Amino acid sequence: MTVSASPIVKRAYGSIPNSASCGGHTFSRSDINTAINTGVNDNNSGSSPSGYPHAYYQYADEHITLSCNDASDYLEFPLENNRAFTGGSPGAYRAIFTEDGEFCAVVYHASTSDNSFAQCRY
């Protein structure tokens, strides 16, 4: 019997910040890396817990600065402390990255009245 598993994408910390502060909530480099790795793996395997990862669209009026190479597609994946998102309510925080796992930004929904994002501080 042959058992096959999804490949695990491991990436170096590279340009991921040491931490990100999002409206008073802080995420570590490890938290951000976990979200990106899980998002890339889920995207590659076709898994999408609660619809994530999905496309991230950069809107000029949100003033989000992406620190990655220009890509045709950006993805967003829920960001949690000390664990990977596996489904359910995604919360307000997201890691933004390219399809190959390059870090772009950490953002959050600062308002409950709309779906816009604000940039976290690094």
N, C-alpha and C. Protein backbone atom coordinates (compact mmCIF):
# COMPACT_ATOMS: atom_id res chain seq x y z
N MET A 1 0.84 -1.18 0.00
CA MET A 1 0.00 0.00 0.00
C MET A 1 0.89 1.24 0.00
N THR A 2 0.61 2.13 -0.91
CA THR A 2 1.38 3.36 -1.02
C THR A 2 0.57 4.50 -0.44
N VAL A 3 1.20 5.26 0.42
CA VAL A 3 0.56 6.43 1.02
C VAL A 3 1.23 7.65 0.45
N SER A 4 0.43 8.57 -0.04
CA SER A 4 1.02 9.79 -0.56
C SER A 4 0.48 10.97 0.23
N ALA A 5 1.35 11.90 0.47
CA ALA A 5 0.97 13.09 1.24
C ALA A 5 1.23 14.32 0.41
N SER A 6 0.55 15.39 0.75
CA SER A 6 0.79 16.66 0.07
C SER A 6 2.18 17.15 0.41
N PRO A 7 2.87 17.71 -0.57
CA PRO A 7 4.20 18.22 -0.26
C PRO A 7 4.09 19.42 0.68
N ILE A 8 5.02 19.51 1.59
CA ILE A 8 5.06 20.65 2.51
C ILE A 8 6.01 21.67 1.93
N VAL A 9 5.52 22.86 1.75
CA VAL A 9 6.36 23.93 1.24
C VAL A 9 7.03 24.59 2.44
N LYS A 10 8.31 24.58 2.46
CA LYS A 10 9.06 25.25 3.51
C LYS A 10 9.76 26.44 2.88
N ARG A 11 9.70 27.56 3.52
CA ARG A 11 10.36 28.74 2.98
C ARG A 11 11.17 29.39 4.08
N ALA A 12 12.20 30.07 3.65
CA ALA A 12 13.01 30.81 4.60
C ALA A 12 12.24 32.03 5.07
N TYR A 13 12.61 32.54 6.23
CA TYR A 13 11.93 33.72 6.75
C TYR A 13 12.10 34.92 5.84
N GLY A 14 13.22 35.01 5.15
CA GLY A 14 13.43 36.07 4.17
C GLY A 14 12.99 37.43 4.64
N SER A 15 12.08 38.04 3.91
CA SER A 15 11.66 39.41 4.19
C SER A 15 10.51 39.50 5.19
N ILE A 16 10.14 38.40 5.80
CA ILE A 16 9.07 38.44 6.80
C ILE A 16 9.55 39.25 8.00
N PRO A 17 8.75 40.22 8.45
CA PRO A 17 9.18 41.03 9.59
C PRO A 17 9.25 40.20 10.88
N ASN A 18 10.01 40.69 11.86
CA ASN A 18 10.12 40.00 13.15
C ASN A 18 8.78 39.92 13.86
N SER A 19 7.95 40.94 13.67
CA SER A 19 6.60 40.94 14.24
C SER A 19 5.75 41.95 13.47
N ALA A 20 4.46 41.84 13.65
CA ALA A 20 3.53 42.78 13.04
C ALA A 20 2.49 43.16 14.08
N SER A 21 2.25 44.46 14.22
CA SER A 21 1.26 44.97 15.16
C SER A 21 0.06 45.48 14.37
N CYS A 22 -1.08 44.90 14.67
CA CYS A 22 -2.29 45.18 13.90
C CYS A 22 -3.39 45.68 14.84
N GLY A 23 -3.52 46.97 14.98
CA GLY A 23 -4.57 47.52 15.82
C GLY A 23 -4.50 47.02 17.26
N GLY A 24 -3.30 46.88 17.79
CA GLY A 24 -3.12 46.43 19.17
C GLY A 24 -2.90 44.94 19.32
N HIS A 25 -3.01 44.19 18.25
CA HIS A 25 -2.77 42.74 18.28
C HIS A 25 -1.44 42.46 17.58
N THR A 26 -0.59 41.64 18.19
CA THR A 26 0.74 41.38 17.64
C THR A 26 0.89 39.94 17.18
N PHE A 27 1.54 39.79 16.03
CA PHE A 27 1.86 38.47 15.48
C PHE A 27 3.37 38.35 15.33
N SER A 28 3.89 37.18 15.63
CA SER A 28 5.32 36.92 15.52
C SER A 28 5.68 36.54 14.09
N ARG A 29 6.97 36.54 13.83
CA ARG A 29 7.48 36.07 12.53
C ARG A 29 7.03 34.64 12.28
N SER A 30 7.06 33.83 13.31
CA SER A 30 6.63 32.43 13.18
C SER A 30 5.15 32.34 12.82
N ASP A 31 4.30 33.18 13.42
CA ASP A 31 2.87 33.19 13.09
C ASP A 31 2.66 33.53 11.61
N ILE A 32 3.39 34.53 11.13
CA ILE A 32 3.27 34.97 9.74
C ILE A 32 3.75 33.87 8.80
N ASN A 33 4.88 33.28 9.13
CA ASN A 33 5.45 32.20 8.31
C ASN A 33 4.49 31.00 8.27
N THR A 34 3.89 30.67 9.40
CA THR A 34 2.93 29.56 9.45
C THR A 34 1.74 29.82 8.54
N ALA A 35 1.22 31.05 8.55
CA ALA A 35 0.08 31.38 7.69
C ALA A 35 0.46 31.27 6.22
N ILE A 36 1.64 31.77 5.86
CA ILE A 36 2.06 31.72 4.46
C ILE A 36 2.27 30.27 4.03
N ASN A 37 3.00 29.50 4.83
CA ASN A 37 3.24 28.09 4.47
C ASN A 37 1.94 27.32 4.33
N THR A 38 1.02 27.52 5.26
CA THR A 38 -0.26 26.81 5.20
C THR A 38 -1.06 27.25 3.99
N GLY A 39 -1.07 28.56 3.72
CA GLY A 39 -1.78 29.08 2.56
C GLY A 39 -1.24 28.55 1.25
N VAL A 40 0.08 28.50 1.11
CA VAL A 40 0.70 27.97 -0.11
C VAL A 40 0.39 26.49 -0.25
N ASN A 41 0.54 25.74 0.83
CA ASN A 41 0.25 24.30 0.78
C ASN A 41 -1.21 24.04 0.42
N ASP A 42 -2.13 24.78 1.05
CA ASP A 42 -3.55 24.61 0.75
C ASP A 42 -3.85 24.99 -0.69
N ASN A 43 -3.25 26.07 -1.17
CA ASN A 43 -3.46 26.49 -2.56
C ASN A 43 -2.96 25.42 -3.52
N ASN A 44 -1.78 24.87 -3.26
CA ASN A 44 -1.21 23.85 -4.14
C ASN A 44 -2.00 22.55 -4.13
N SER A 45 -2.61 22.23 -2.98
CA SER A 45 -3.35 20.96 -2.88
C SER A 45 -4.82 21.11 -3.24
N GLY A 46 -5.27 22.35 -3.43
CA GLY A 46 -6.68 22.58 -3.75
C GLY A 46 -7.58 22.63 -2.53
N SER A 47 -6.98 22.59 -1.35
CA SER A 47 -7.75 22.69 -0.11
C SER A 47 -8.10 24.15 0.14
N SER A 48 -9.28 24.41 0.66
CA SER A 48 -9.64 25.80 0.94
C SER A 48 -10.57 25.86 2.15
N PRO A 49 -10.00 25.71 3.35
CA PRO A 49 -10.84 25.80 4.55
C PRO A 49 -11.52 27.16 4.64
N SER A 50 -12.82 27.14 4.71
CA SER A 50 -13.63 28.36 4.79
C SER A 50 -13.33 29.34 3.65
N GLY A 51 -12.90 28.81 2.49
CA GLY A 51 -12.67 29.64 1.32
C GLY A 51 -11.28 30.27 1.24
N TYR A 52 -10.36 29.87 2.09
CA TYR A 52 -8.99 30.41 2.09
C TYR A 52 -7.99 29.34 1.73
N PRO A 53 -6.91 29.70 1.03
CA PRO A 53 -6.57 31.05 0.59
C PRO A 53 -7.44 31.48 -0.59
N HIS A 54 -7.55 32.77 -0.74
CA HIS A 54 -8.20 33.29 -1.94
C HIS A 54 -7.49 34.56 -2.39
N ALA A 55 -7.90 35.04 -3.55
CA ALA A 55 -7.24 36.20 -4.15
C ALA A 55 -7.32 37.42 -3.25
N TYR A 56 -6.23 38.15 -3.21
CA TYR A 56 -6.17 39.45 -2.54
C TYR A 56 -6.06 40.50 -3.63
N TYR A 57 -6.90 41.52 -3.54
CA TYR A 57 -6.89 42.61 -4.51
C TYR A 57 -6.42 43.87 -3.81
N GLN A 58 -5.42 44.50 -4.39
CA GLN A 58 -4.85 45.71 -3.81
C GLN A 58 -5.61 46.92 -4.33
N TYR A 59 -6.23 47.67 -3.40
CA TYR A 59 -6.98 48.86 -3.75
C TYR A 59 -6.21 50.10 -3.31
N ALA A 60 -6.06 51.06 -4.19
CA ALA A 60 -5.26 52.26 -3.92
C ALA A 60 -5.75 53.01 -2.69
N ASP A 61 -7.06 53.06 -2.47
CA ASP A 61 -7.58 53.84 -1.35
C ASP A 61 -7.30 53.20 0.02
N GLU A 62 -6.82 51.96 0.03
CA GLU A 62 -6.48 51.32 1.30
C GLU A 62 -5.04 51.63 1.72
N HIS A 63 -4.21 52.09 0.79
CA HIS A 63 -2.82 52.48 1.06
C HIS A 63 -2.00 51.33 1.67
N ILE A 64 -2.14 50.14 1.10
CA ILE A 64 -1.38 48.97 1.53
C ILE A 64 -0.11 48.90 0.68
N THR A 65 1.03 48.81 1.33
CA THR A 65 2.31 48.68 0.64
C THR A 65 2.70 47.21 0.64
N LEU A 66 2.85 46.65 -0.55
CA LEU A 66 3.28 45.26 -0.67
C LEU A 66 4.79 45.23 -0.82
N SER A 67 5.45 44.40 -0.02
CA SER A 67 6.92 44.35 -0.04
C SER A 67 7.43 43.12 -0.79
N CYS A 68 6.69 42.71 -1.80
CA CYS A 68 7.09 41.55 -2.59
C CYS A 68 7.27 41.98 -4.04
N ASN A 69 7.84 41.08 -4.83
CA ASN A 69 7.97 41.35 -6.25
C ASN A 69 6.58 41.44 -6.86
N ASP A 70 6.46 42.21 -7.92
CA ASP A 70 5.18 42.29 -8.61
C ASP A 70 4.76 40.90 -9.05
N ALA A 71 3.53 40.57 -8.79
CA ALA A 71 3.00 39.27 -9.18
C ALA A 71 1.63 39.50 -9.80
N SER A 72 1.23 38.60 -10.63
CA SER A 72 -0.09 38.73 -11.24
C SER A 72 -1.17 38.34 -10.24
N ASP A 73 -0.82 37.48 -9.31
CA ASP A 73 -1.80 37.02 -8.33
C ASP A 73 -1.23 37.09 -6.92
N TYR A 74 -2.00 37.69 -6.02
CA TYR A 74 -1.66 37.70 -4.61
C TYR A 74 -2.73 36.90 -3.89
N LEU A 75 -2.34 36.25 -2.81
CA LEU A 75 -3.27 35.48 -2.01
C LEU A 75 -3.33 36.03 -0.61
N GLU A 76 -4.46 35.83 0.05
CA GLU A 76 -4.58 36.17 1.47
C GLU A 76 -4.99 34.92 2.23
N PHE A 77 -4.48 34.84 3.47
CA PHE A 77 -4.78 33.69 4.33
C PHE A 77 -4.88 34.19 5.75
N PRO A 78 -5.87 33.70 6.51
CA PRO A 78 -6.05 34.15 7.89
C PRO A 78 -4.79 33.93 8.74
N LEU A 79 -4.55 34.88 9.61
CA LEU A 79 -3.38 34.88 10.47
C LEU A 79 -3.84 34.68 11.91
N GLU A 80 -3.25 33.70 12.57
CA GLU A 80 -3.60 33.41 13.96
C GLU A 80 -2.33 33.28 14.78
N ASN A 81 -2.46 33.42 16.08
CA ASN A 81 -1.31 33.25 16.97
C ASN A 81 -1.08 31.77 17.27
N ASN A 82 0.16 31.34 17.13
CA ASN A 82 0.62 30.02 17.56
C ASN A 82 -0.05 28.83 16.88
N ARG A 83 -0.72 29.04 15.76
CA ARG A 83 -1.32 27.91 15.05
C ARG A 83 -1.73 28.34 13.64
N ALA A 84 -1.95 27.34 12.81
CA ALA A 84 -2.43 27.60 11.45
C ALA A 84 -3.95 27.61 11.43
N PHE A 85 -4.51 28.47 10.63
CA PHE A 85 -5.96 28.50 10.41
C PHE A 85 -6.37 27.22 9.69
N THR A 86 -7.41 26.56 10.21
CA THR A 86 -7.88 25.31 9.60
C THR A 86 -9.36 25.35 9.23
N GLY A 87 -9.99 26.50 9.40
CA GLY A 87 -11.40 26.63 9.05
C GLY A 87 -12.16 27.36 10.13
N GLY A 88 -13.42 27.66 9.85
CA GLY A 88 -14.24 28.43 10.78
C GLY A 88 -14.16 29.90 10.46
N SER A 89 -14.43 30.72 11.46
CA SER A 89 -14.37 32.16 11.28
C SER A 89 -12.92 32.59 11.09
N PRO A 90 -12.62 33.34 10.01
CA PRO A 90 -11.24 33.71 9.73
C PRO A 90 -10.69 34.85 10.59
N GLY A 91 -11.51 35.53 11.34
CA GLY A 91 -11.02 36.66 12.12
C GLY A 91 -10.68 37.84 11.21
N ALA A 92 -10.00 38.83 11.76
CA ALA A 92 -9.74 40.08 11.04
C ALA A 92 -8.37 40.17 10.38
N TYR A 93 -7.46 39.26 10.69
CA TYR A 93 -6.05 39.41 10.31
C TYR A 93 -5.68 38.50 9.15
N ARG A 94 -4.84 39.03 8.21
CA ARG A 94 -4.46 38.26 7.03
C ARG A 94 -2.97 38.43 6.71
N ALA A 95 -2.38 37.35 6.25
CA ALA A 95 -1.06 37.40 5.62
C ALA A 95 -1.30 37.47 4.12
N ILE A 96 -0.58 38.35 3.45
CA ILE A 96 -0.68 38.49 1.99
C ILE A 96 0.64 37.99 1.41
N PHE A 97 0.55 37.18 0.36
CA PHE A 97 1.75 36.56 -0.21
C PHE A 97 1.50 36.21 -1.67
N THR A 98 2.59 35.88 -2.37
CA THR A 98 2.47 35.45 -3.75
C THR A 98 2.19 33.95 -3.78
N GLU A 99 1.81 33.44 -4.95
CA GLU A 99 1.50 32.02 -5.07
C GLU A 99 2.68 31.13 -4.73
N ASP A 100 3.91 31.65 -4.90
CA ASP A 100 5.09 30.83 -4.56
C ASP A 100 5.56 31.06 -3.12
N GLY A 101 4.80 31.80 -2.33
CA GLY A 101 5.09 31.95 -0.91
C GLY A 101 5.93 33.13 -0.51
N GLU A 102 6.08 34.11 -1.38
CA GLU A 102 6.85 35.29 -1.01
C GLU A 102 5.97 36.23 -0.17
N PHE A 103 6.47 36.65 0.97
CA PHE A 103 5.76 37.57 1.85
C PHE A 103 5.51 38.90 1.15
N CYS A 104 4.29 39.43 1.30
CA CYS A 104 3.94 40.74 0.74
C CYS A 104 3.52 41.74 1.81
N ALA A 105 2.66 41.32 2.75
CA ALA A 105 2.16 42.25 3.76
C ALA A 105 1.36 41.49 4.83
N VAL A 106 1.12 42.19 5.93
CA VAL A 106 0.17 41.73 6.93
C VAL A 106 -0.85 42.86 7.06
N VAL A 107 -2.12 42.50 6.95
CA VAL A 107 -3.20 43.48 6.97
C VAL A 107 -4.31 43.01 7.91
N TYR A 108 -5.22 43.93 8.20
CA TYR A 108 -6.36 43.55 9.05
C TYR A 108 -7.57 44.40 8.71
N HIS A 109 -8.73 43.86 9.05
CA HIS A 109 -9.97 44.62 8.91
C HIS A 109 -10.09 45.49 10.15
N ALA A 110 -9.84 46.78 9.98
CA ALA A 110 -9.86 47.71 11.12
C ALA A 110 -11.28 48.13 11.47
N SER A 111 -12.20 47.94 10.55
CA SER A 111 -13.59 48.35 10.76
C SER A 111 -14.52 47.17 10.54
N THR A 112 -15.53 47.09 11.35
CA THR A 112 -16.53 46.04 11.15
C THR A 112 -17.63 46.50 10.20
N SER A 113 -17.58 47.77 9.78
CA SER A 113 -18.64 48.30 8.92
C SER A 113 -18.38 48.11 7.43
N ASP A 114 -17.15 47.74 7.08
CA ASP A 114 -16.87 47.48 5.67
C ASP A 114 -15.81 46.38 5.58
N ASN A 115 -15.44 46.04 4.38
CA ASN A 115 -14.51 44.93 4.17
C ASN A 115 -13.10 45.40 3.80
N SER A 116 -12.80 46.69 4.07
CA SER A 116 -11.50 47.23 3.70
C SER A 116 -10.41 46.77 4.67
N PHE A 117 -9.17 46.88 4.22
CA PHE A 117 -8.02 46.49 5.03
C PHE A 117 -7.20 47.70 5.44
N ALA A 118 -6.50 47.56 6.55
CA ALA A 118 -5.49 48.52 7.00
C ALA A 118 -4.18 47.75 7.12
N GLN A 119 -3.08 48.45 6.93
CA GLN A 119 -1.77 47.79 7.01
C GLN A 119 -1.31 47.71 8.46
N CYS A 120 -0.74 46.56 8.80
CA CYS A 120 -0.16 46.39 10.13
C CYS A 120 1.20 47.08 10.15
N ARG A 121 1.69 47.42 11.34
CA ARG A 121 3.01 48.03 11.50
C ARG A 121 4.04 46.94 11.74
N TYR A 122 5.22 47.09 11.13
CA TYR A 122 6.30 46.13 11.29
C TYR A 122 7.43 46.75 12.07
